[in-house]
Amino acid sequence: MQQPLYTSLKVNNEIELCEINDPECKRLIERALLNKRISYFIRWPKPSLFRRKKNICIICINDSSREIAENVIRAICDEKGYPVKFLMRKSQNQYL
């Protein structure tokens, strides 16, 4: 049996771009990413003993959009004064 062409493509190339904890900042970033046509998803880490803040979310994107997305997020956070922590690490996919 021959395998479909798309099975040889690498699709697991998501990265955890940044971590934010302000809901308004998250909303602005989502809107800006959509305007730039950058696909993203948001991961909500489970609260633990070391992570007591409940509003923390991690914005994950495709690695090929990293530079544009980083510039967009930096511009928003610098302009509005929101704290952001850039992670730039390979996403830990639970579904694979």
PDB file of N, CA and C in Angstrom:
ATOM      1  N   MET A   1       0.839  -1.174   0.000  1.00  0.00           N
ATOM      2  CA  MET A   1       0.000   0.000   0.000  1.00  0.00           C
ATOM      3  C   MET A   1       0.892   1.248   0.000  1.00  0.00           C
ATOM      4  N   GLN A   2       0.563   2.188  -0.826  1.00  0.00           N
ATOM      5  CA  GLN A   2       1.341   3.408  -0.935  1.00  0.00           C
ATOM      6  C   GLN A   2       0.822   4.437   0.074  1.00  0.00           C
ATOM      7  N   GLN A   3       1.765   5.143   0.725  1.00  0.00           N
ATOM      8  CA  GLN A   3       1.381   6.154   1.704  1.00  0.00           C
ATOM      9  C   GLN A   3       1.036   7.470   1.011  1.00  0.00           C
ATOM     10  N   PRO A   4       0.074   8.203   1.554  1.00  0.00           N
ATOM     11  CA  PRO A   4      -0.260   9.505   0.970  1.00  0.00           C
ATOM     12  C   PRO A   4       0.940  10.451   1.014  1.00  0.00           C
ATOM     13  N   LEU A   5       0.968  11.363   0.091  1.00  0.00           N
ATOM     14  CA  LEU A   5       2.072  12.295  -0.034  1.00  0.00           C
ATOM     15  C   LEU A   5       2.257  13.149   1.214  1.00  0.00           C
ATOM     16  N   TYR A   6       1.171  13.585   1.833  1.00  0.00           N
ATOM     17  CA  TYR A   6       1.272  14.505   2.965  1.00  0.00           C
ATOM     18  C   TYR A   6       1.822  13.867   4.241  1.00  0.00           C
ATOM     19  N   THR A   7       1.900  12.551   4.346  1.00  0.00           N
ATOM     20  CA  THR A   7       2.412  11.927   5.566  1.00  0.00           C
ATOM     21  C   THR A   7       3.912  12.134   5.733  1.00  0.00           C
ATOM     22  N   SER A   8       4.602  12.467   4.675  1.00  0.00           N
ATOM     23  CA  SER A   8       6.039  12.697   4.789  1.00  0.00           C
ATOM     24  C   SER A   8       6.366  14.135   5.168  1.00  0.00           C
ATOM     25  N   LEU A   9       5.361  15.011   5.201  1.00  0.00           N
ATOM     26  CA  LEU A   9       5.598  16.404   5.538  1.00  0.00           C
ATOM     27  C   LEU A   9       5.754  16.575   7.042  1.00  0.00           C
ATOM     28  N   LYS A  10       6.644  17.496   7.421  1.00  0.00           N
ATOM     29  CA  LYS A  10       6.833  17.774   8.834  1.00  0.00           C
ATOM     30  C   LYS A  10       5.788  18.789   9.272  1.00  0.00           C
ATOM     31  N   VAL A  11       4.954  18.411  10.205  1.00  0.00           N
ATOM     32  CA  VAL A  11       3.904  19.303  10.660  1.00  0.00           C
ATOM     33  C   VAL A  11       4.041  19.676  12.130  1.00  0.00           C
ATOM     34  N   ASN A  12       4.910  19.043  12.838  1.00  0.00           N
ATOM     35  CA  ASN A  12       5.081  19.308  14.259  1.00  0.00           C
ATOM     36  C   ASN A  12       6.126  20.407  14.449  1.00  0.00           C
ATOM     37  N   ASN A  13       5.776  21.635  14.076  1.00  0.00           N
ATOM     38  CA  ASN A  13       6.750  22.718  14.162  1.00  0.00           C
ATOM     39  C   ASN A  13       6.191  23.923  14.914  1.00  0.00           C
ATOM     40  N   GLU A  14       5.365  23.672  15.919  1.00  0.00           N
ATOM     41  CA  GLU A  14       4.844  24.741  16.747  1.00  0.00           C
ATOM     42  C   GLU A  14       5.846  25.109  17.830  1.00  0.00           C
ATOM     43  N   ILE A  15       5.868  26.390  18.176  1.00  0.00           N
ATOM     44  CA  ILE A  15       6.703  26.843  19.280  1.00  0.00           C
ATOM     45  C   ILE A  15       5.839  27.621  20.269  1.00  0.00           C
ATOM     46  N   GLU A  16       6.263  27.590  21.520  1.00  0.00           N
ATOM     47  CA  GLU A  16       5.645  28.411  22.549  1.00  0.00           C
ATOM     48  C   GLU A  16       6.343  29.761  22.464  1.00  0.00           C
ATOM     49  N   LEU A  17       5.657  30.738  21.931  1.00  0.00           N
ATOM     50  CA  LEU A  17       6.266  32.034  21.665  1.00  0.00           C
ATOM     51  C   LEU A  17       6.421  32.871  22.923  1.00  0.00           C
ATOM     52  N   CYS A  18       5.331  33.060  23.640  1.00  0.00           N
ATOM     53  CA  CYS A  18       5.409  33.928  24.813  1.00  0.00           C
ATOM     54  C   CYS A  18       4.362  33.563  25.852  1.00  0.00           C
ATOM     55  N   GLU A  19       4.587  34.104  27.036  1.00  0.00           N
ATOM     56  CA  GLU A  19       3.686  33.890  28.163  1.00  0.00           C
ATOM     57  C   GLU A  19       3.184  35.255  28.613  1.00  0.00           C
ATOM     58  N   ILE A  20       1.881  35.386  28.752  1.00  0.00           N
ATOM     59  CA  ILE A  20       1.296  36.644  29.209  1.00  0.00           C
ATOM     60  C   ILE A  20       0.292  36.358  30.311  1.00  0.00           C
ATOM     61  N   ASN A  21      -0.014  37.390  31.108  1.00  0.00           N
ATOM     62  CA  ASN A  21      -0.964  37.162  32.194  1.00  0.00           C
ATOM     63  C   ASN A  21      -2.040  38.232  32.278  1.00  0.00           C
ATOM     64  N   ASP A  22      -2.099  39.116  31.313  1.00  0.00           N
ATOM     65  CA  ASP A  22      -3.110  40.164  31.325  1.00  0.00           C
ATOM     66  C   ASP A  22      -4.163  39.870  30.252  1.00  0.00           C
ATOM     67  N   PRO A  23      -5.442  39.768  30.632  1.00  0.00           N
ATOM     68  CA  PRO A  23      -6.487  39.439  29.648  1.00  0.00           C
ATOM     69  C   PRO A  23      -6.606  40.479  28.524  1.00  0.00           C
ATOM     70  N   GLU A  24      -6.419  41.739  28.834  1.00  0.00           N
ATOM     71  CA  GLU A  24      -6.497  42.778  27.811  1.00  0.00           C
ATOM     72  C   GLU A  24      -5.338  42.645  26.821  1.00  0.00           C
ATOM     73  N   CYS A  25      -4.160  42.341  27.325  1.00  0.00           N
ATOM     74  CA  CYS A  25      -2.987  42.120  26.465  1.00  0.00           C
ATOM     75  C   CYS A  25      -3.238  40.921  25.553  1.00  0.00           C
ATOM     76  N   LYS A  26      -3.792  39.861  26.096  1.00  0.00           N
ATOM     77  CA  LYS A  26      -4.108  38.664  25.303  1.00  0.00           C
ATOM     78  C   LYS A  26      -5.070  39.011  24.171  1.00  0.00           C
ATOM     79  N   ARG A  27      -6.081  39.801  24.469  1.00  0.00           N
ATOM     80  CA  ARG A  27      -7.058  40.198  23.470  1.00  0.00           C
ATOM     81  C   ARG A  27      -6.404  41.021  22.356  1.00  0.00           C
ATOM     82  N   LEU A  28      -5.544  41.966  22.729  1.00  0.00           N
ATOM     83  CA  LEU A  28      -4.855  42.793  21.728  1.00  0.00           C
ATOM     84  C   LEU A  28      -3.920  41.958  20.853  1.00  0.00           C
ATOM     85  N   ILE A  29      -3.221  41.017  21.472  1.00  0.00           N
ATOM     86  CA  ILE A  29      -2.293  40.157  20.728  1.00  0.00           C
ATOM     87  C   ILE A  29      -3.071  39.260  19.763  1.00  0.00           C
ATOM     88  N   GLU A  30      -4.166  38.682  20.232  1.00  0.00           N
ATOM     89  CA  GLU A  30      -4.987  37.840  19.357  1.00  0.00           C
ATOM     90  C   GLU A  30      -5.466  38.619  18.144  1.00  0.00           C
ATOM     91  N   ARG A  31      -5.956  39.815  18.370  1.00  0.00           N
ATOM     92  CA  ARG A  31      -6.450  40.649  17.270  1.00  0.00           C
ATOM     93  C   ARG A  31      -5.317  40.969  16.281  1.00  0.00           C
ATOM     94  N   ALA A  32      -4.139  41.311  16.804  1.00  0.00           N
ATOM     95  CA  ALA A  32      -3.006  41.653  15.933  1.00  0.00           C
ATOM     96  C   ALA A  32      -2.528  40.444  15.133  1.00  0.00           C
ATOM     97  N   LEU A  33      -2.486  39.274  15.757  1.00  0.00           N
ATOM     98  CA  LEU A  33      -2.066  38.071  15.039  1.00  0.00           C
ATOM     99  C   LEU A  33      -3.057  37.726  13.929  1.00  0.00           C
ATOM    100  N   LEU A  34      -4.331  37.875  14.215  1.00  0.00           N
ATOM    101  CA  LEU A  34      -5.348  37.617  13.190  1.00  0.00           C
ATOM    102  C   LEU A  34      -5.226  38.616  12.035  1.00  0.00           C
ATOM    103  N   ASN A  35      -4.969  39.875  12.358  1.00  0.00           N
ATOM    104  CA  ASN A  35      -4.800  40.892  11.309  1.00  0.00           C
ATOM    105  C   ASN A  35      -3.611  40.590  10.406  1.00  0.00           C
ATOM    106  N   LYS A  36      -2.565  39.980  10.982  1.00  0.00           N
ATOM    107  CA  LYS A  36      -1.370  39.618  10.208  1.00  0.00           C
ATOM    108  C   LYS A  36      -1.497  38.220   9.592  1.00  0.00           C
ATOM    109  N   ARG A  37      -2.653  37.594   9.777  1.00  0.00           N
ATOM    110  CA  ARG A  37      -2.916  36.246   9.261  1.00  0.00           C
ATOM    111  C   ARG A  37      -1.925  35.201   9.800  1.00  0.00           C
ATOM    112  N   ILE A  38      -1.642  35.311  11.084  1.00  0.00           N
ATOM    113  CA  ILE A  38      -0.750  34.361  11.751  1.00  0.00           C
ATOM    114  C   ILE A  38      -1.607  33.401  12.566  1.00  0.00           C
ATOM    115  N   SER A  39      -1.486  32.135  12.246  1.00  0.00           N
ATOM    116  CA  SER A  39      -2.224  31.103  12.966  1.00  0.00           C
ATOM    117  C   SER A  39      -1.593  30.905  14.345  1.00  0.00           C
ATOM    118  N   TYR A  40      -2.429  30.730  15.361  1.00  0.00           N
ATOM    119  CA  TYR A  40      -1.927  30.569  16.722  1.00  0.00           C
ATOM    120  C   TYR A  40      -2.895  29.705  17.524  1.00  0.00           C
ATOM    121  N   PHE A  41      -2.424  29.241  18.667  1.00  0.00           N
ATOM    122  CA  PHE A  41      -3.338  28.659  19.645  1.00  0.00           C
ATOM    123  C   PHE A  41      -2.837  29.041  21.026  1.00  0.00           C
ATOM    124  N   ILE A  42      -3.716  28.969  21.982  1.00  0.00           N
ATOM    125  CA  ILE A  42      -3.386  29.400  23.337  1.00  0.00           C
ATOM    126  C   ILE A  42      -3.415  28.190  24.258  1.00  0.00           C
ATOM    127  N   ARG A  43      -2.361  28.046  25.005  1.00  0.00           N
ATOM    128  CA  ARG A  43      -2.259  26.963  25.994  1.00  0.00           C
ATOM    129  C   ARG A  43      -2.428  27.582  27.379  1.00  0.00           C
ATOM    130  N   TRP A  44      -3.272  26.963  28.165  1.00  0.00           N
ATOM    131  CA  TRP A  44      -3.502  27.402  29.540  1.00  0.00           C
ATOM    132  C   TRP A  44      -2.822  26.397  30.465  1.00  0.00           C
ATOM    133  N   PRO A  45      -1.650  26.725  31.009  1.00  0.00           N
ATOM    134  CA  PRO A  45      -0.956  25.781  31.893  1.00  0.00           C
ATOM    135  C   PRO A  45      -1.772  25.513  33.161  1.00  0.00           C
ATOM    136  N   LYS A  46      -1.665  24.309  33.640  1.00  0.00           N
ATOM    137  CA  LYS A  46      -2.351  23.958  34.880  1.00  0.00           C
ATOM    138  C   LYS A  46      -1.654  24.652  36.045  1.00  0.00           C
ATOM    139  N   PRO A  47      -2.438  25.232  36.949  1.00  0.00           N
ATOM    140  CA  PRO A  47      -1.823  25.867  38.122  1.00  0.00           C
ATOM    141  C   PRO A  47      -1.068  24.818  38.945  1.00  0.00           C
ATOM    142  N   SER A  48       0.065  25.210  39.442  1.00  0.00           N
ATOM    143  CA  SER A  48       0.852  24.311  40.279  1.00  0.00           C
ATOM    144  C   SER A  48       1.325  25.084  41.508  1.00  0.00           C
ATOM    145  N   LEU A  49       2.109  24.433  42.300  1.00  0.00           N
ATOM    146  CA  LEU A  49       2.624  25.059  43.509  1.00  0.00           C
ATOM    147  C   LEU A  49       3.469  26.285  43.172  1.00  0.00           C
ATOM    148  N   PHE A  50       4.203  26.219  42.052  1.00  0.00           N
ATOM    149  CA  PHE A  50       5.085  27.315  41.659  1.00  0.00           C
ATOM    150  C   PHE A  50       4.383  28.346  40.787  1.00  0.00           C
ATOM    151  N   ARG A  51       3.267  27.990  40.201  1.00  0.00           N
ATOM    152  CA  ARG A  51       2.494  28.908  39.343  1.00  0.00           C
ATOM    153  C   ARG A  51       1.149  29.181  39.994  1.00  0.00           C
ATOM    154  N   ARG A  52       1.081  30.228  40.729  1.00  0.00           N
ATOM    155  CA  ARG A  52      -0.158  30.545  41.442  1.00  0.00           C
ATOM    156  C   ARG A  52      -1.089  31.452  40.639  1.00  0.00           C
ATOM    157  N   LYS A  53      -0.557  32.162  39.671  1.00  0.00           N
ATOM    158  CA  LYS A  53      -1.401  33.059  38.875  1.00  0.00           C
ATOM    159  C   LYS A  53      -2.307  32.238  37.975  1.00  0.00           C
ATOM    160  N   LYS A  54      -3.580  32.616  37.922  1.00  0.00           N
ATOM    161  CA  LYS A  54      -4.558  31.844  37.160  1.00  0.00           C
ATOM    162  C   LYS A  54      -4.709  32.331  35.732  1.00  0.00           C
ATOM    163  N   ASN A  55      -4.352  33.574  35.458  1.00  0.00           N
ATOM    164  CA  ASN A  55      -4.579  34.142  34.134  1.00  0.00           C
ATOM    165  C   ASN A  55      -3.441  33.909  33.157  1.00  0.00           C
ATOM    166  N   ILE A  56      -2.434  33.169  33.535  1.00  0.00           N
ATOM    167  CA  ILE A  56      -1.292  32.969  32.647  1.00  0.00           C
ATOM    168  C   ILE A  56      -1.696  32.094  31.461  1.00  0.00           C
ATOM    169  N   CYS A  57      -1.341  32.565  30.277  1.00  0.00           N
ATOM    170  CA  CYS A  57      -1.548  31.762  29.077  1.00  0.00           C
ATOM    171  C   CYS A  57      -0.297  31.836  28.215  1.00  0.00           C
ATOM    172  N   ILE A  58      -0.113  30.816  27.407  1.00  0.00           N
ATOM    173  CA  ILE A  58       1.041  30.727  26.512  1.00  0.00           C
ATOM    174  C   ILE A  58       0.524  30.770  25.084  1.00  0.00           C
ATOM    175  N   ILE A  59       1.063  31.686  24.307  1.00  0.00           N
ATOM    176  CA  ILE A  59       0.680  31.810  22.904  1.00  0.00           C
ATOM    177  C   ILE A  59       1.647  30.985  22.069  1.00  0.00           C
ATOM    178  N   CYS A  60       1.091  30.054  21.311  1.00  0.00           N
ATOM    179  CA  CYS A  60       1.882  29.147  20.476  1.00  0.00           C
ATOM    180  C   CYS A  60       1.595  29.439  19.007  1.00  0.00           C
ATOM    181  N   ILE A  61       2.647  29.391  18.203  1.00  0.00           N
ATOM    182  CA  ILE A  61       2.519  29.675  16.773  1.00  0.00           C
ATOM    183  C   ILE A  61       3.375  28.698  15.982  1.00  0.00           C
ATOM    184  N   ASN A  62       3.234  28.743  14.678  1.00  0.00           N
ATOM    185  CA  ASN A  62       4.104  27.973  13.798  1.00  0.00           C
ATOM    186  C   ASN A  62       5.471  28.649  13.768  1.00  0.00           C
ATOM    187  N   ASP A  63       6.515  27.870  13.799  1.00  0.00           N
ATOM    188  CA  ASP A  63       7.880  28.401  13.833  1.00  0.00           C
ATOM    189  C   ASP A  63       8.179  29.315  12.646  1.00  0.00           C
ATOM    190  N   SER A  64       7.540  29.087  11.518  1.00  0.00           N
ATOM    191  CA  SER A  64       7.805  29.904  10.335  1.00  0.00           C
ATOM    192  C   SER A  64       7.288  31.340  10.488  1.00  0.00           C
ATOM    193  N   SER A  65       6.403  31.584  11.448  1.00  0.00           N
ATOM    194  CA  SER A  65       5.852  32.925  11.684  1.00  0.00           C
ATOM    195  C   SER A  65       6.491  33.618  12.885  1.00  0.00           C
ATOM    196  N   ARG A  66       7.532  33.032  13.425  1.00  0.00           N
ATOM    197  CA  ARG A  66       8.112  33.518  14.676  1.00  0.00           C
ATOM    198  C   ARG A  66       8.546  34.980  14.629  1.00  0.00           C
ATOM    199  N   GLU A  67       9.289  35.366  13.619  1.00  0.00           N
ATOM    200  CA  GLU A  67       9.844  36.725  13.577  1.00  0.00           C
ATOM    201  C   GLU A  67       8.745  37.791  13.496  1.00  0.00           C
ATOM    202  N   ILE A  68       7.777  37.584  12.617  1.00  0.00           N
ATOM    203  CA  ILE A  68       6.691  38.553  12.472  1.00  0.00           C
ATOM    204  C   ILE A  68       5.866  38.628  13.760  1.00  0.00           C
ATOM    205  N   ALA A  69       5.525  37.472  14.313  1.00  0.00           N
ATOM    206  CA  ALA A  69       4.715  37.436  15.536  1.00  0.00           C
ATOM    207  C   ALA A  69       5.451  38.085  16.704  1.00  0.00           C
ATOM    208  N   GLU A  70       6.735  37.822  16.821  1.00  0.00           N
ATOM    209  CA  GLU A  70       7.517  38.428  17.907  1.00  0.00           C
ATOM    210  C   GLU A  70       7.521  39.948  17.780  1.00  0.00           C
ATOM    211  N   ASN A  71       7.710  40.461  16.577  1.00  0.00           N
ATOM    212  CA  ASN A  71       7.709  41.909  16.364  1.00  0.00           C
ATOM    213  C   ASN A  71       6.354  42.526  16.703  1.00  0.00           C
ATOM    214  N   VAL A  72       5.283  41.851  16.305  1.00  0.00           N
ATOM    215  CA  VAL A  72       3.930  42.336  16.598  1.00  0.00           C
ATOM    216  C   VAL A  72       3.697  42.392  18.102  1.00  0.00           C
ATOM    217  N   ILE A  73       4.057  41.328  18.803  1.00  0.00           N
ATOM    218  CA  ILE A  73       3.827  41.262  20.250  1.00  0.00           C
ATOM    219  C   ILE A  73       4.694  42.272  20.991  1.00  0.00           C
ATOM    220  N   ARG A  74       5.947  42.400  20.585  1.00  0.00           N
ATOM    221  CA  ARG A  74       6.824  43.396  21.227  1.00  0.00           C
ATOM    222  C   ARG A  74       6.270  44.806  21.053  1.00  0.00           C
ATOM    223  N   ALA A  75       5.771  45.112  19.860  1.00  0.00           N
ATOM    224  CA  ALA A  75       5.218  46.446  19.601  1.00  0.00           C
ATOM    225  C   ALA A  75       4.029  46.724  20.514  1.00  0.00           C
ATOM    226  N   ILE A  76       3.138  45.759  20.649  1.00  0.00           N
ATOM    227  CA  ILE A  76       1.956  45.935  21.502  1.00  0.00           C
ATOM    228  C   ILE A  76       2.368  46.102  22.966  1.00  0.00           C
ATOM    229  N   CYS A  77       3.219  45.225  23.440  1.00  0.00           N
ATOM    230  CA  CYS A  77       3.591  45.246  24.859  1.00  0.00           C
ATOM    231  C   CYS A  77       4.438  46.470  25.207  1.00  0.00           C
ATOM    232  N   ASP A  78       5.303  46.901  24.302  1.00  0.00           N
ATOM    233  CA  ASP A  78       6.103  48.097  24.556  1.00  0.00           C
ATOM    234  C   ASP A  78       5.225  49.344  24.573  1.00  0.00           C
ATOM    235  N   GLU A  79       4.287  49.411  23.638  1.00  0.00           N
ATOM    236  CA  GLU A  79       3.415  50.585  23.543  1.00  0.00           C
ATOM    237  C   GLU A  79       2.496  50.703  24.749  1.00  0.00           C
ATOM    238  N   LYS A  80       1.927  49.595  25.172  1.00  0.00           N
ATOM    239  CA  LYS A  80       0.936  49.615  26.253  1.00  0.00           C
ATOM    240  C   LYS A  80       1.544  49.347  27.633  1.00  0.00           C
ATOM    241  N   GLY A  81       2.783  48.881  27.680  1.00  0.00           N
ATOM    242  CA  GLY A  81       3.438  48.619  28.964  1.00  0.00           C
ATOM    243  C   GLY A  81       3.064  47.298  29.605  1.00  0.00           C
ATOM    244  N   TYR A  82       2.593  46.340  28.811  1.00  0.00           N
ATOM    245  CA  TYR A  82       2.249  45.024  29.352  1.00  0.00           C
ATOM    246  C   TYR A  82       3.508  44.186  29.529  1.00  0.00           C
ATOM    247  N   PRO A  83       3.579  43.426  30.619  1.00  0.00           N
ATOM    248  CA  PRO A  83       4.714  42.507  30.774  1.00  0.00           C
ATOM    249  C   PRO A  83       4.520  41.273  29.890  1.00  0.00           C
ATOM    250  N   VAL A  84       5.576  40.841  29.261  1.00  0.00           N
ATOM    251  CA  VAL A  84       5.534  39.641  28.425  1.00  0.00           C
ATOM    252  C   VAL A  84       6.833  38.882  28.628  1.00  0.00           C
ATOM    253  N   LYS A  85       6.733  37.572  28.644  1.00  0.00           N
ATOM    254  CA  LYS A  85       7.917  36.721  28.783  1.00  0.00           C
ATOM    255  C   LYS A  85       8.014  35.869  27.524  1.00  0.00           C
ATOM    256  N   PHE A  86       9.053  36.108  26.726  1.00  0.00           N
ATOM    257  CA  PHE A  86       9.233  35.335  25.504  1.00  0.00           C
ATOM    258  C   PHE A  86       9.900  34.005  25.849  1.00  0.00           C
ATOM    259  N   LEU A  87       9.295  32.919  25.387  1.00  0.00           N
ATOM    260  CA  LEU A  87       9.779  31.569  25.696  1.00  0.00           C
ATOM    261  C   LEU A  87      10.607  30.992  24.551  1.00  0.00           C
ATOM    262  N   MET A  88      10.101  31.109  23.327  1.00  0.00           N
ATOM    263  CA  MET A  88      10.786  30.638  22.114  1.00  0.00           C
ATOM    264  C   MET A  88      11.268  29.194  22.223  1.00  0.00           C
ATOM    265  N   ARG A  89      10.407  28.329  22.695  1.00  0.00           N
ATOM    266  CA  ARG A  89      10.803  26.916  22.830  1.00  0.00           C
ATOM    267  C   ARG A  89       9.817  26.027  22.090  1.00  0.00           C
ATOM    268  N   LYS A  90      10.271  24.851  21.766  1.00  0.00           N
ATOM    269  CA  LYS A  90       9.444  23.860  21.060  1.00  0.00           C
ATOM    270  C   LYS A  90       8.220  23.556  21.905  1.00  0.00           C
ATOM    271  N   SER A  91       7.072  23.532  21.258  1.00  0.00           N
ATOM    272  CA  SER A  91       5.824  23.256  21.938  1.00  0.00           C
ATOM    273  C   SER A  91       5.776  21.790  22.357  1.00  0.00           C
ATOM    274  N   GLN A  92       5.270  21.566  23.541  1.00  0.00           N
ATOM    275  CA  GLN A  92       5.107  20.212  24.067  1.00  0.00           C
ATOM    276  C   GLN A  92       3.717  19.710  23.719  1.00  0.00           C
ATOM    277  N   ASN A  93       3.591  19.128  22.535  1.00  0.00           N
ATOM    278  CA  ASN A  93       2.281  18.671  22.067  1.00  0.00           C
ATOM    279  C   ASN A  93       1.870  17.390  22.787  1.00  0.00           C
ATOM    280  N   GLN A  94       0.692  17.429  23.363  1.00  0.00           N
ATOM    281  CA  GLN A  94       0.163  16.267  24.071  1.00  0.00           C
ATOM    282  C   GLN A  94      -0.618  15.337  23.153  1.00  0.00           C
ATOM    283  N   TYR A  95      -0.954  15.806  21.948  1.00  0.00           N
ATOM    284  CA  TYR A  95      -1.829  15.042  21.074  1.00  0.00           C
ATOM    285  C   TYR A  95      -1.065  14.150  20.098  1.00  0.00           C
ATOM    286  N   LEU A  96       0.257  14.161  20.109  1.00  0.00           N
ATOM    287  CA  LEU A  96       1.010  13.343  19.171  1.00  0.00           C
ATOM    288  C   LEU A  96       1.406  12.023  19.767  1.00  0.00           C
TER     289      LEU A  96
END
